[in-house]
ModelCIF file with pLDDT and N, C-alpha, C, O atoms, coordinates in Angstrom:
data_MODEL
#
_entry.id   MODEL 
#
_entity.id                         1 
_entity.type                       polymer 
_entity.pdbx_number_of_molecules   1 
#
_entity_poly.entity_id                      1 
_entity_poly.type                           'polypeptide(L)' 
_entity_poly.nstd_linkage                   no 
_entity_poly.nstd_monomer                   no 
_entity_poly.pdbx_seq_one_letter_code       QINHCLCSNLGVTSLSCDDRKINSINQLFLAWAVMGSDLSLIILS 
_entity_poly.pdbx_seq_one_letter_code_can   QINHCLCSNLGVTSLSCDDRKINSINQLFLAWAVMGSDLSLIILS 
_entity_poly.pdbx_strand_id                 A 
#
loop_
_entity_poly_seq.entity_id 
_entity_poly_seq.num 
_entity_poly_seq.mon_id 
_entity_poly_seq.hetero 
1 1  GLN n 
1 2  ILE n 
1 3  ASN n 
1 4  HIS n 
1 5  CYS n 
1 6  LEU n 
1 7  CYS n 
1 8  SER n 
1 9  ASN n 
1 10 LEU n 
1 11 GLY n 
1 12 VAL n 
1 13 THR n 
1 14 SER n 
1 15 LEU n 
1 16 SER n 
1 17 CYS n 
1 18 ASP n 
1 19 ASP n 
1 20 ARG n 
1 21 LYS n 
1 22 ILE n 
1 23 ASN n 
1 24 SER n 
1 25 ILE n 
1 26 ASN n 
1 27 GLN n 
1 28 LEU n 
1 29 PHE n 
1 30 LEU n 
1 31 ALA n 
1 32 TRP n 
1 33 ALA n 
1 34 VAL n 
1 35 MET n 
1 36 GLY n 
1 37 SER n 
1 38 ASP n 
1 39 LEU n 
1 40 SER n 
1 41 LEU n 
1 42 ILE n 
1 43 ILE n 
1 44 LEU n 
1 45 SER n 
#
_struct_asym.id          A 
_struct_asym.entity_id   1 
#
loop_
_ma_qa_metric.id 
_ma_qa_metric.mode 
_ma_qa_metric.name 
_ma_qa_metric.software_group_id 
_ma_qa_metric.type 
1 global pLDDT . pLDDT 
2 local  pLDDT . pLDDT 
#
_ma_qa_metric_global.metric_id      1 
_ma_qa_metric_global.metric_value   92.31 
_ma_qa_metric_global.model_id       1 
_ma_qa_metric_global.ordinal_id     1 
#
loop_
_ma_qa_metric_local.label_asym_id 
_ma_qa_metric_local.label_comp_id 
_ma_qa_metric_local.label_seq_id 
_ma_qa_metric_local.metric_id 
_ma_qa_metric_local.metric_value 
_ma_qa_metric_local.model_id 
_ma_qa_metric_local.ordinal_id 
A GLN 1  2 94.00 1 1  
A ILE 2  2 93.00 1 2  
A ASN 3  2 89.00 1 3  
A HIS 4  2 92.00 1 4  
A CYS 5  2 93.00 1 5  
A LEU 6  2 94.00 1 6  
A CYS 7  2 95.00 1 7  
A SER 8  2 92.00 1 8  
A ASN 9  2 92.00 1 9  
A LEU 10 2 86.00 1 10 
A GLY 11 2 88.00 1 11 
A VAL 12 2 94.00 1 12 
A THR 13 2 92.00 1 13 
A SER 14 2 90.00 1 14 
A LEU 15 2 93.00 1 15 
A SER 16 2 92.00 1 16 
A CYS 17 2 90.00 1 17 
A ASP 18 2 89.00 1 18 
A ASP 19 2 89.00 1 19 
A ARG 20 2 89.00 1 20 
A LYS 21 2 92.00 1 21 
A ILE 22 2 95.00 1 22 
A ASN 23 2 93.00 1 23 
A SER 24 2 90.00 1 24 
A ILE 25 2 93.00 1 25 
A ASN 26 2 94.00 1 26 
A GLN 27 2 91.00 1 27 
A LEU 28 2 89.00 1 28 
A PHE 29 2 93.00 1 29 
A LEU 30 2 93.00 1 30 
A ALA 31 2 89.00 1 31 
A TRP 32 2 90.00 1 32 
A ALA 33 2 93.00 1 33 
A VAL 34 2 94.00 1 34 
A MET 35 2 92.00 1 35 
A GLY 36 2 92.00 1 36 
A SER 37 2 95.00 1 37 
A ASP 38 2 96.00 1 38 
A LEU 39 2 94.00 1 39 
A SER 40 2 95.00 1 40 
A LEU 41 2 96.00 1 41 
A ILE 42 2 95.00 1 42 
A ILE 43 2 94.00 1 43 
A LEU 44 2 96.00 1 44 
A SER 45 2 94.00 1 45 
#
loop_
_atom_site.group_PDB 
_atom_site.id 
_atom_site.type_symbol 
_atom_site.label_atom_id 
_atom_site.label_alt_id 
_atom_site.label_comp_id 
_atom_site.label_asym_id 
_atom_site.label_entity_id 
_atom_site.label_seq_id 
_atom_site.pdbx_PDB_ins_code 
_atom_site.Cartn_x 
_atom_site.Cartn_y 
_atom_site.Cartn_z 
_atom_site.occupancy 
_atom_site.B_iso_or_equiv 
_atom_site.pdbx_formal_charge 
_atom_site.auth_seq_id 
_atom_site.auth_comp_id 
_atom_site.auth_asym_id 
_atom_site.auth_atom_id 
_atom_site.pdbx_PDB_model_num 
ATOM 1   N N  . GLN A 1 1  ? -7.063  -15.644 -19.180 1.00 94.00 ? 1  GLN A N  1 
ATOM 2   C CA . GLN A 1 1  ? -5.506  -15.583 -18.951 1.00 94.00 ? 1  GLN A CA 1 
ATOM 3   C C  . GLN A 1 1  ? -5.236  -14.620 -17.843 1.00 94.00 ? 1  GLN A C  1 
ATOM 4   O O  . GLN A 1 1  ? -5.442  -13.418 -18.013 1.00 94.00 ? 1  GLN A O  1 
ATOM 5   N N  . ILE A 1 2  ? -4.744  -15.138 -16.617 1.00 93.00 ? 2  ILE A N  1 
ATOM 6   C CA . ILE A 1 2  ? -4.231  -14.063 -15.485 1.00 93.00 ? 2  ILE A CA 1 
ATOM 7   C C  . ILE A 1 2  ? -2.967  -14.217 -15.862 1.00 93.00 ? 2  ILE A C  1 
ATOM 8   O O  . ILE A 1 2  ? -2.629  -15.376 -16.102 1.00 93.00 ? 2  ILE A O  1 
ATOM 9   N N  . ASN A 1 3  ? -1.836  -13.027 -16.036 1.00 89.00 ? 3  ASN A N  1 
ATOM 10  C CA . ASN A 1 3  ? -0.560  -13.000 -15.856 1.00 89.00 ? 3  ASN A CA 1 
ATOM 11  C C  . ASN A 1 3  ? 0.045   -13.023 -14.413 1.00 89.00 ? 3  ASN A C  1 
ATOM 12  O O  . ASN A 1 3  ? 0.775   -12.178 -13.895 1.00 89.00 ? 3  ASN A O  1 
ATOM 13  N N  . HIS A 1 4  ? -0.488  -14.329 -13.828 1.00 92.00 ? 4  HIS A N  1 
ATOM 14  C CA . HIS A 1 4  ? 0.068   -14.163 -12.555 1.00 92.00 ? 4  HIS A CA 1 
ATOM 15  C C  . HIS A 1 4  ? -0.121  -15.566 -12.019 1.00 92.00 ? 4  HIS A C  1 
ATOM 16  O O  . HIS A 1 4  ? -0.843  -16.214 -12.777 1.00 92.00 ? 4  HIS A O  1 
ATOM 17  N N  . CYS A 1 5  ? 0.388   -16.416 -10.704 1.00 93.00 ? 5  CYS A N  1 
ATOM 18  C CA . CYS A 1 5  ? 0.756   -17.359 -10.109 1.00 93.00 ? 5  CYS A CA 1 
ATOM 19  C C  . CYS A 1 5  ? -0.550  -17.513 -9.300  1.00 93.00 ? 5  CYS A C  1 
ATOM 20  O O  . CYS A 1 5  ? -1.012  -18.651 -9.215  1.00 93.00 ? 5  CYS A O  1 
ATOM 21  N N  . LEU A 1 6  ? -1.119  -16.613 -8.768  1.00 94.00 ? 6  LEU A N  1 
ATOM 22  C CA . LEU A 1 6  ? -2.321  -16.586 -7.943  1.00 94.00 ? 6  LEU A CA 1 
ATOM 23  C C  . LEU A 1 6  ? -3.397  -15.641 -8.296  1.00 94.00 ? 6  LEU A C  1 
ATOM 24  O O  . LEU A 1 6  ? -3.328  -14.650 -9.022  1.00 94.00 ? 6  LEU A O  1 
ATOM 25  N N  . CYS A 1 7  ? -4.238  -16.046 -7.757  1.00 95.00 ? 7  CYS A N  1 
ATOM 26  C CA . CYS A 1 7  ? -5.965  -15.035 -8.004  1.00 95.00 ? 7  CYS A CA 1 
ATOM 27  C C  . CYS A 1 7  ? -6.022  -14.046 -7.035  1.00 95.00 ? 7  CYS A C  1 
ATOM 28  O O  . CYS A 1 7  ? -6.579  -14.190 -5.946  1.00 95.00 ? 7  CYS A O  1 
ATOM 29  N N  . SER A 1 8  ? -5.354  -12.864 -7.481  1.00 92.00 ? 8  SER A N  1 
ATOM 30  C CA . SER A 1 8  ? -4.885  -11.439 -6.847  1.00 92.00 ? 8  SER A CA 1 
ATOM 31  C C  . SER A 1 8  ? -6.442  -10.888 -7.534  1.00 92.00 ? 8  SER A C  1 
ATOM 32  O O  . SER A 1 8  ? -6.955  -11.191 -8.611  1.00 92.00 ? 8  SER A O  1 
ATOM 33  N N  . ASN A 1 9  ? -7.000  -9.840  -6.293  1.00 92.00 ? 9  ASN A N  1 
ATOM 34  C CA . ASN A 1 9  ? -7.956  -9.215  -6.508  1.00 92.00 ? 9  ASN A CA 1 
ATOM 35  C C  . ASN A 1 9  ? -8.049  -8.433  -7.941  1.00 92.00 ? 9  ASN A C  1 
ATOM 36  O O  . ASN A 1 9  ? -8.913  -8.625  -8.796  1.00 92.00 ? 9  ASN A O  1 
ATOM 37  N N  . LEU A 1 10 ? -7.099  -7.622  -8.001  1.00 86.00 ? 10 LEU A N  1 
ATOM 38  C CA . LEU A 1 10 ? -6.919  -6.708  -9.446  1.00 86.00 ? 10 LEU A CA 1 
ATOM 39  C C  . LEU A 1 10 ? -6.313  -7.504  -10.443 1.00 86.00 ? 10 LEU A C  1 
ATOM 40  O O  . LEU A 1 10 ? -6.492  -7.055  -11.575 1.00 86.00 ? 10 LEU A O  1 
ATOM 41  N N  . GLY A 1 11 ? -5.569  -8.673  -10.370 1.00 88.00 ? 11 GLY A N  1 
ATOM 42  C CA . GLY A 1 11 ? -5.467  -9.202  -11.374 1.00 88.00 ? 11 GLY A CA 1 
ATOM 43  C C  . GLY A 1 11 ? -6.885  -9.850  -12.296 1.00 88.00 ? 11 GLY A C  1 
ATOM 44  O O  . GLY A 1 11 ? -7.155  -9.672  -13.484 1.00 88.00 ? 11 GLY A O  1 
ATOM 45  N N  . VAL A 1 12 ? -7.524  -10.532 -11.399 1.00 94.00 ? 12 VAL A N  1 
ATOM 46  C CA . VAL A 1 12 ? -8.664  -11.179 -11.647 1.00 94.00 ? 12 VAL A CA 1 
ATOM 47  C C  . VAL A 1 12 ? -9.802  -10.222 -12.363 1.00 94.00 ? 12 VAL A C  1 
ATOM 48  O O  . VAL A 1 12 ? -10.434 -10.531 -13.373 1.00 94.00 ? 12 VAL A O  1 
ATOM 49  N N  . THR A 1 13 ? -9.920  -9.031  -11.642 1.00 92.00 ? 13 THR A N  1 
ATOM 50  C CA . THR A 1 13 ? -10.995 -8.127  -11.932 1.00 92.00 ? 13 THR A CA 1 
ATOM 51  C C  . THR A 1 13 ? -10.711 -7.637  -13.247 1.00 92.00 ? 13 THR A C  1 
ATOM 52  O O  . THR A 1 13 ? -11.669 -7.399  -13.982 1.00 92.00 ? 13 THR A O  1 
ATOM 53  N N  . SER A 1 14 ? -9.380  -7.421  -13.717 1.00 90.00 ? 14 SER A N  1 
ATOM 54  C CA . SER A 1 14 ? -8.897  -6.533  -14.891 1.00 90.00 ? 14 SER A CA 1 
ATOM 55  C C  . SER A 1 14 ? -9.531  -7.389  -16.229 1.00 90.00 ? 14 SER A C  1 
ATOM 56  O O  . SER A 1 14 ? -9.620  -6.747  -17.275 1.00 90.00 ? 14 SER A O  1 
ATOM 57  N N  . LEU A 1 15 ? -9.922  -8.651  -16.232 1.00 93.00 ? 15 LEU A N  1 
ATOM 58  C CA . LEU A 1 15 ? -10.278 -9.380  -17.115 1.00 93.00 ? 15 LEU A CA 1 
ATOM 59  C C  . LEU A 1 15 ? -11.915 -9.181  -17.250 1.00 93.00 ? 15 LEU A C  1 
ATOM 60  O O  . LEU A 1 15 ? -12.530 -9.563  -18.246 1.00 93.00 ? 15 LEU A O  1 
ATOM 61  N N  . SER A 1 16 ? -12.486 -8.590  -16.218 1.00 92.00 ? 16 SER A N  1 
ATOM 62  C CA . SER A 1 16 ? -13.822 -8.522  -16.757 1.00 92.00 ? 16 SER A CA 1 
ATOM 63  C C  . SER A 1 16 ? -14.281 -7.552  -17.914 1.00 92.00 ? 16 SER A C  1 
ATOM 64  O O  . SER A 1 16 ? -13.497 -6.709  -18.349 1.00 92.00 ? 16 SER A O  1 
ATOM 65  N N  . CYS A 1 17 ? -15.367 -7.663  -18.330 1.00 90.00 ? 17 CYS A N  1 
ATOM 66  C CA . CYS A 1 17 ? -15.839 -6.700  -19.640 1.00 90.00 ? 17 CYS A CA 1 
ATOM 67  C C  . CYS A 1 17 ? -16.482 -5.600  -19.057 1.00 90.00 ? 17 CYS A C  1 
ATOM 68  O O  . CYS A 1 17 ? -16.547 -4.624  -19.804 1.00 90.00 ? 17 CYS A O  1 
ATOM 69  N N  . ASP A 1 18 ? -17.042 -5.449  -17.798 1.00 89.00 ? 18 ASP A N  1 
ATOM 70  C CA . ASP A 1 18 ? -17.858 -4.331  -17.151 1.00 89.00 ? 18 ASP A CA 1 
ATOM 71  C C  . ASP A 1 18 ? -17.019 -3.724  -16.302 1.00 89.00 ? 18 ASP A C  1 
ATOM 72  O O  . ASP A 1 18 ? -15.934 -4.272  -16.109 1.00 89.00 ? 18 ASP A O  1 
ATOM 73  N N  . ASP A 1 19 ? -17.353 -2.353  -15.546 1.00 89.00 ? 19 ASP A N  1 
ATOM 74  C CA . ASP A 1 19 ? -16.787 -1.583  -14.797 1.00 89.00 ? 19 ASP A CA 1 
ATOM 75  C C  . ASP A 1 19 ? -16.308 -2.146  -13.534 1.00 89.00 ? 19 ASP A C  1 
ATOM 76  O O  . ASP A 1 19 ? -17.155 -2.663  -12.805 1.00 89.00 ? 19 ASP A O  1 
ATOM 77  N N  . ARG A 1 20 ? -14.986 -2.127  -13.129 1.00 89.00 ? 20 ARG A N  1 
ATOM 78  C CA . ARG A 1 20 ? -14.538 -2.765  -12.358 1.00 89.00 ? 20 ARG A CA 1 
ATOM 79  C C  . ARG A 1 20 ? -14.145 -1.416  -10.754 1.00 89.00 ? 20 ARG A C  1 
ATOM 80  O O  . ARG A 1 20 ? -13.536 -1.567  -9.695  1.00 89.00 ? 20 ARG A O  1 
ATOM 81  N N  . LYS A 1 21 ? -14.721 -0.474  -11.245 1.00 92.00 ? 21 LYS A N  1 
ATOM 82  C CA . LYS A 1 21 ? -14.291 0.644   -10.311 1.00 92.00 ? 21 LYS A CA 1 
ATOM 83  C C  . LYS A 1 21 ? -14.418 0.347   -8.784  1.00 92.00 ? 21 LYS A C  1 
ATOM 84  O O  . LYS A 1 21 ? -13.525 0.649   -7.993  1.00 92.00 ? 21 LYS A O  1 
ATOM 85  N N  . ILE A 1 22 ? -15.633 -0.292  -8.400  1.00 95.00 ? 22 ILE A N  1 
ATOM 86  C CA . ILE A 1 22 ? -16.238 -0.636  -6.937  1.00 95.00 ? 22 ILE A CA 1 
ATOM 87  C C  . ILE A 1 22 ? -15.090 -1.337  -6.462  1.00 95.00 ? 22 ILE A C  1 
ATOM 88  O O  . ILE A 1 22 ? -14.624 -0.913  -5.405  1.00 95.00 ? 22 ILE A O  1 
ATOM 89  N N  . ASN A 1 23 ? -14.481 -2.390  -7.041  1.00 93.00 ? 23 ASN A N  1 
ATOM 90  C CA . ASN A 1 23 ? -13.541 -3.045  -6.843  1.00 93.00 ? 23 ASN A CA 1 
ATOM 91  C C  . ASN A 1 23 ? -12.396 -2.605  -6.393  1.00 93.00 ? 23 ASN A C  1 
ATOM 92  O O  . ASN A 1 23 ? -11.877 -3.031  -5.361  1.00 93.00 ? 23 ASN A O  1 
ATOM 93  N N  . SER A 1 24 ? -12.045 -1.967  -6.920  1.00 90.00 ? 24 SER A N  1 
ATOM 94  C CA . SER A 1 24 ? -10.789 -1.025  -6.972  1.00 90.00 ? 24 SER A CA 1 
ATOM 95  C C  . SER A 1 24 ? -10.823 -0.306  -5.559  1.00 90.00 ? 24 SER A C  1 
ATOM 96  O O  . SER A 1 24 ? -9.988  -0.392  -4.659  1.00 90.00 ? 24 SER A O  1 
ATOM 97  N N  . ILE A 1 25 ? -12.276 0.596   -5.603  1.00 93.00 ? 25 ILE A N  1 
ATOM 98  C CA . ILE A 1 25 ? -12.361 1.333   -4.316  1.00 93.00 ? 25 ILE A CA 1 
ATOM 99  C C  . ILE A 1 25 ? -12.365 0.385   -3.276  1.00 93.00 ? 25 ILE A C  1 
ATOM 100 O O  . ILE A 1 25 ? -11.600 0.669   -2.354  1.00 93.00 ? 25 ILE A O  1 
ATOM 101 N N  . ASN A 1 26 ? -13.178 -0.943  -3.124  1.00 94.00 ? 26 ASN A N  1 
ATOM 102 C CA . ASN A 1 26 ? -13.121 -1.564  -2.095  1.00 94.00 ? 26 ASN A CA 1 
ATOM 103 C C  . ASN A 1 26 ? -11.956 -2.121  -1.332  1.00 94.00 ? 26 ASN A C  1 
ATOM 104 O O  . ASN A 1 26 ? -11.794 -2.407  -0.145  1.00 94.00 ? 26 ASN A O  1 
ATOM 105 N N  . GLN A 1 27 ? -10.988 -2.196  -2.694  1.00 91.00 ? 27 GLN A N  1 
ATOM 106 C CA . GLN A 1 27 ? -9.701  -3.182  -2.096  1.00 91.00 ? 27 GLN A CA 1 
ATOM 107 C C  . GLN A 1 27 ? -8.715  -1.706  -1.445  1.00 91.00 ? 27 GLN A C  1 
ATOM 108 O O  . GLN A 1 27 ? -7.838  -1.961  -0.619  1.00 91.00 ? 27 GLN A O  1 
ATOM 109 N N  . LEU A 1 28 ? -8.903  -0.456  -1.809  1.00 89.00 ? 28 LEU A N  1 
ATOM 110 C CA . LEU A 1 28 ? -8.255  0.559   -1.408  1.00 89.00 ? 28 LEU A CA 1 
ATOM 111 C C  . LEU A 1 28 ? -9.070  0.971   0.155   1.00 89.00 ? 28 LEU A C  1 
ATOM 112 O O  . LEU A 1 28 ? -8.327  1.379   1.048   1.00 89.00 ? 28 LEU A O  1 
ATOM 113 N N  . PHE A 1 29 ? -10.322 0.875   0.404   1.00 93.00 ? 29 PHE A N  1 
ATOM 114 C CA . PHE A 1 29 ? -10.958 0.927   1.646   1.00 93.00 ? 29 PHE A CA 1 
ATOM 115 C C  . PHE A 1 29 ? -10.455 -0.206  2.440   1.00 93.00 ? 29 PHE A C  1 
ATOM 116 O O  . PHE A 1 29 ? -10.007 0.210   3.509   1.00 93.00 ? 29 PHE A O  1 
ATOM 117 N N  . LEU A 1 30 ? -10.362 -1.490  2.316   1.00 93.00 ? 30 LEU A N  1 
ATOM 118 C CA . LEU A 1 30 ? -10.089 -2.662  2.964   1.00 93.00 ? 30 LEU A CA 1 
ATOM 119 C C  . LEU A 1 30 ? -8.445  -2.423  3.598   1.00 93.00 ? 30 LEU A C  1 
ATOM 120 O O  . LEU A 1 30 ? -8.024  -2.612  4.739   1.00 93.00 ? 30 LEU A O  1 
ATOM 121 N N  . ALA A 1 31 ? -7.768  -1.954  2.415   1.00 89.00 ? 31 ALA A N  1 
ATOM 122 C CA . ALA A 1 31 ? -5.939  -1.563  2.635   1.00 89.00 ? 31 ALA A CA 1 
ATOM 123 C C  . ALA A 1 31 ? -6.063  -0.482  4.119   1.00 89.00 ? 31 ALA A C  1 
ATOM 124 O O  . ALA A 1 31 ? -5.536  -0.608  5.225   1.00 89.00 ? 31 ALA A O  1 
ATOM 125 N N  . TRP A 1 32 ? -6.975  0.564   3.581   1.00 90.00 ? 32 TRP A N  1 
ATOM 126 C CA . TRP A 1 32 ? -6.722  1.553   4.774   1.00 90.00 ? 32 TRP A CA 1 
ATOM 127 C C  . TRP A 1 32 ? -7.083  1.200   6.220   1.00 90.00 ? 32 TRP A C  1 
ATOM 128 O O  . TRP A 1 32 ? -6.433  1.310   7.260   1.00 90.00 ? 32 TRP A O  1 
ATOM 129 N N  . ALA A 1 33 ? -8.606  0.638   5.913   1.00 93.00 ? 33 ALA A N  1 
ATOM 130 C CA . ALA A 1 33 ? -9.260  0.327   7.295   1.00 93.00 ? 33 ALA A CA 1 
ATOM 131 C C  . ALA A 1 33 ? -8.394  -0.963  8.062   1.00 93.00 ? 33 ALA A C  1 
ATOM 132 O O  . ALA A 1 33 ? -8.151  -0.877  9.266   1.00 93.00 ? 33 ALA A O  1 
ATOM 133 N N  . VAL A 1 34 ? -7.998  -2.037  7.342   1.00 94.00 ? 34 VAL A N  1 
ATOM 134 C CA . VAL A 1 34 ? -7.244  -3.168  8.151   1.00 94.00 ? 34 VAL A CA 1 
ATOM 135 C C  . VAL A 1 34 ? -5.852  -2.906  8.426   1.00 94.00 ? 34 VAL A C  1 
ATOM 136 O O  . VAL A 1 34 ? -5.285  -3.008  9.514   1.00 94.00 ? 34 VAL A O  1 
ATOM 137 N N  . MET A 1 35 ? -5.350  -2.545  7.277   1.00 92.00 ? 35 MET A N  1 
ATOM 138 C CA . MET A 1 35 ? -3.730  -2.454  7.151   1.00 92.00 ? 35 MET A CA 1 
ATOM 139 C C  . MET A 1 35 ? -3.148  -1.489  7.793   1.00 92.00 ? 35 MET A C  1 
ATOM 140 O O  . MET A 1 35 ? -2.176  -1.584  8.542   1.00 92.00 ? 35 MET A O  1 
ATOM 141 N N  . GLY A 1 36 ? -3.882  -0.323  7.432   1.00 92.00 ? 36 GLY A N  1 
ATOM 142 C CA . GLY A 1 36 ? -3.618  1.358   7.875   1.00 92.00 ? 36 GLY A CA 1 
ATOM 143 C C  . GLY A 1 36 ? -3.921  1.130   9.163   1.00 92.00 ? 36 GLY A C  1 
ATOM 144 O O  . GLY A 1 36 ? -2.848  1.018   9.756   1.00 92.00 ? 36 GLY A O  1 
ATOM 145 N N  . SER A 1 37 ? -5.094  0.963   10.134  1.00 95.00 ? 37 SER A N  1 
ATOM 146 C CA . SER A 1 37 ? -5.222  0.794   11.220  1.00 95.00 ? 37 SER A CA 1 
ATOM 147 C C  . SER A 1 37 ? -4.607  0.064   12.127  1.00 95.00 ? 37 SER A C  1 
ATOM 148 O O  . SER A 1 37 ? -4.507  0.512   13.269  1.00 95.00 ? 37 SER A O  1 
ATOM 149 N N  . ASP A 1 38 ? -4.122  -1.096  11.823  1.00 96.00 ? 38 ASP A N  1 
ATOM 150 C CA . ASP A 1 38 ? -3.449  -2.139  12.300  1.00 96.00 ? 38 ASP A CA 1 
ATOM 151 C C  . ASP A 1 38 ? -1.591  -1.410  12.566  1.00 96.00 ? 38 ASP A C  1 
ATOM 152 O O  . ASP A 1 38 ? -0.883  -1.448  13.572  1.00 96.00 ? 38 ASP A O  1 
ATOM 153 N N  . LEU A 1 39 ? -1.361  -0.888  11.362  1.00 94.00 ? 39 LEU A N  1 
ATOM 154 C CA . LEU A 1 39 ? 0.149   -0.230  11.351  1.00 94.00 ? 39 LEU A CA 1 
ATOM 155 C C  . LEU A 1 39 ? -0.026  0.953   12.182  1.00 94.00 ? 39 LEU A C  1 
ATOM 156 O O  . LEU A 1 39 ? 0.944   1.347   12.829  1.00 94.00 ? 39 LEU A O  1 
ATOM 157 N N  . SER A 1 40 ? -1.185  1.598   12.252  1.00 95.00 ? 40 SER A N  1 
ATOM 158 C CA . SER A 1 40 ? -1.298  3.013   13.180  1.00 95.00 ? 40 SER A CA 1 
ATOM 159 C C  . SER A 1 40 ? -0.999  2.680   14.563  1.00 95.00 ? 40 SER A C  1 
ATOM 160 O O  . SER A 1 40 ? -0.306  3.336   15.340  1.00 95.00 ? 40 SER A O  1 
ATOM 161 N N  . LEU A 1 41 ? -1.822  1.181   14.857  1.00 96.00 ? 41 LEU A N  1 
ATOM 162 C CA . LEU A 1 41 ? -1.710  0.945   16.420  1.00 96.00 ? 41 LEU A CA 1 
ATOM 163 C C  . LEU A 1 41 ? 0.005   0.733   16.799  1.00 96.00 ? 41 LEU A C  1 
ATOM 164 O O  . LEU A 1 41 ? 0.673   1.157   17.743  1.00 96.00 ? 41 LEU A O  1 
ATOM 165 N N  . ILE A 1 42 ? 0.312   0.000   15.775  1.00 95.00 ? 42 ILE A N  1 
ATOM 166 C CA . ILE A 1 42 ? 1.956   -0.815  15.861  1.00 95.00 ? 42 ILE A CA 1 
ATOM 167 C C  . ILE A 1 42 ? 3.051   0.299   16.185  1.00 95.00 ? 42 ILE A C  1 
ATOM 168 O O  . ILE A 1 42 ? 4.009   0.252   16.957  1.00 95.00 ? 42 ILE A O  1 
ATOM 169 N N  . ILE A 1 43 ? 2.570   1.384   15.288  1.00 94.00 ? 43 ILE A N  1 
ATOM 170 C CA . ILE A 1 43 ? 3.784   2.322   15.332  1.00 94.00 ? 43 ILE A CA 1 
ATOM 171 C C  . ILE A 1 43 ? 3.207   3.559   16.828  1.00 94.00 ? 43 ILE A C  1 
ATOM 172 O O  . ILE A 1 43 ? 4.128   4.178   17.361  1.00 94.00 ? 43 ILE A O  1 
ATOM 173 N N  . LEU A 1 44 ? 2.246   3.726   17.187  1.00 96.00 ? 44 LEU A N  1 
ATOM 174 C CA . LEU A 1 44 ? 1.859   3.853   18.281  1.00 96.00 ? 44 LEU A CA 1 
ATOM 175 C C  . LEU A 1 44 ? 2.423   3.225   19.511  1.00 96.00 ? 44 LEU A C  1 
ATOM 176 O O  . LEU A 1 44 ? 2.958   3.832   20.439  1.00 96.00 ? 44 LEU A O  1 
ATOM 177 N N  . SER A 1 45 ? 2.233   1.886   19.405  1.00 94.00 ? 45 SER A N  1 
ATOM 178 C CA . SER A 1 45 ? 2.710   1.134   20.808  1.00 94.00 ? 45 SER A CA 1 
ATOM 179 C C  . SER A 1 45 ? 4.184   1.293   20.853  1.00 94.00 ? 45 SER A C  1 
ATOM 180 O O  . SER A 1 45 ? 4.826   0.829   21.795  1.00 94.00 ? 45 SER A O  1 
#
């Protein structure tokens, strides 16, 4: 049971029975690599 309206990464993986640390690290990496770089370019422009 997901306490959400959609399948968010952290919401889904929080239900897993094993270690989900790699999922959290990957989510953080993507946030910085994609959103972080995009926002930096926009601010610079």
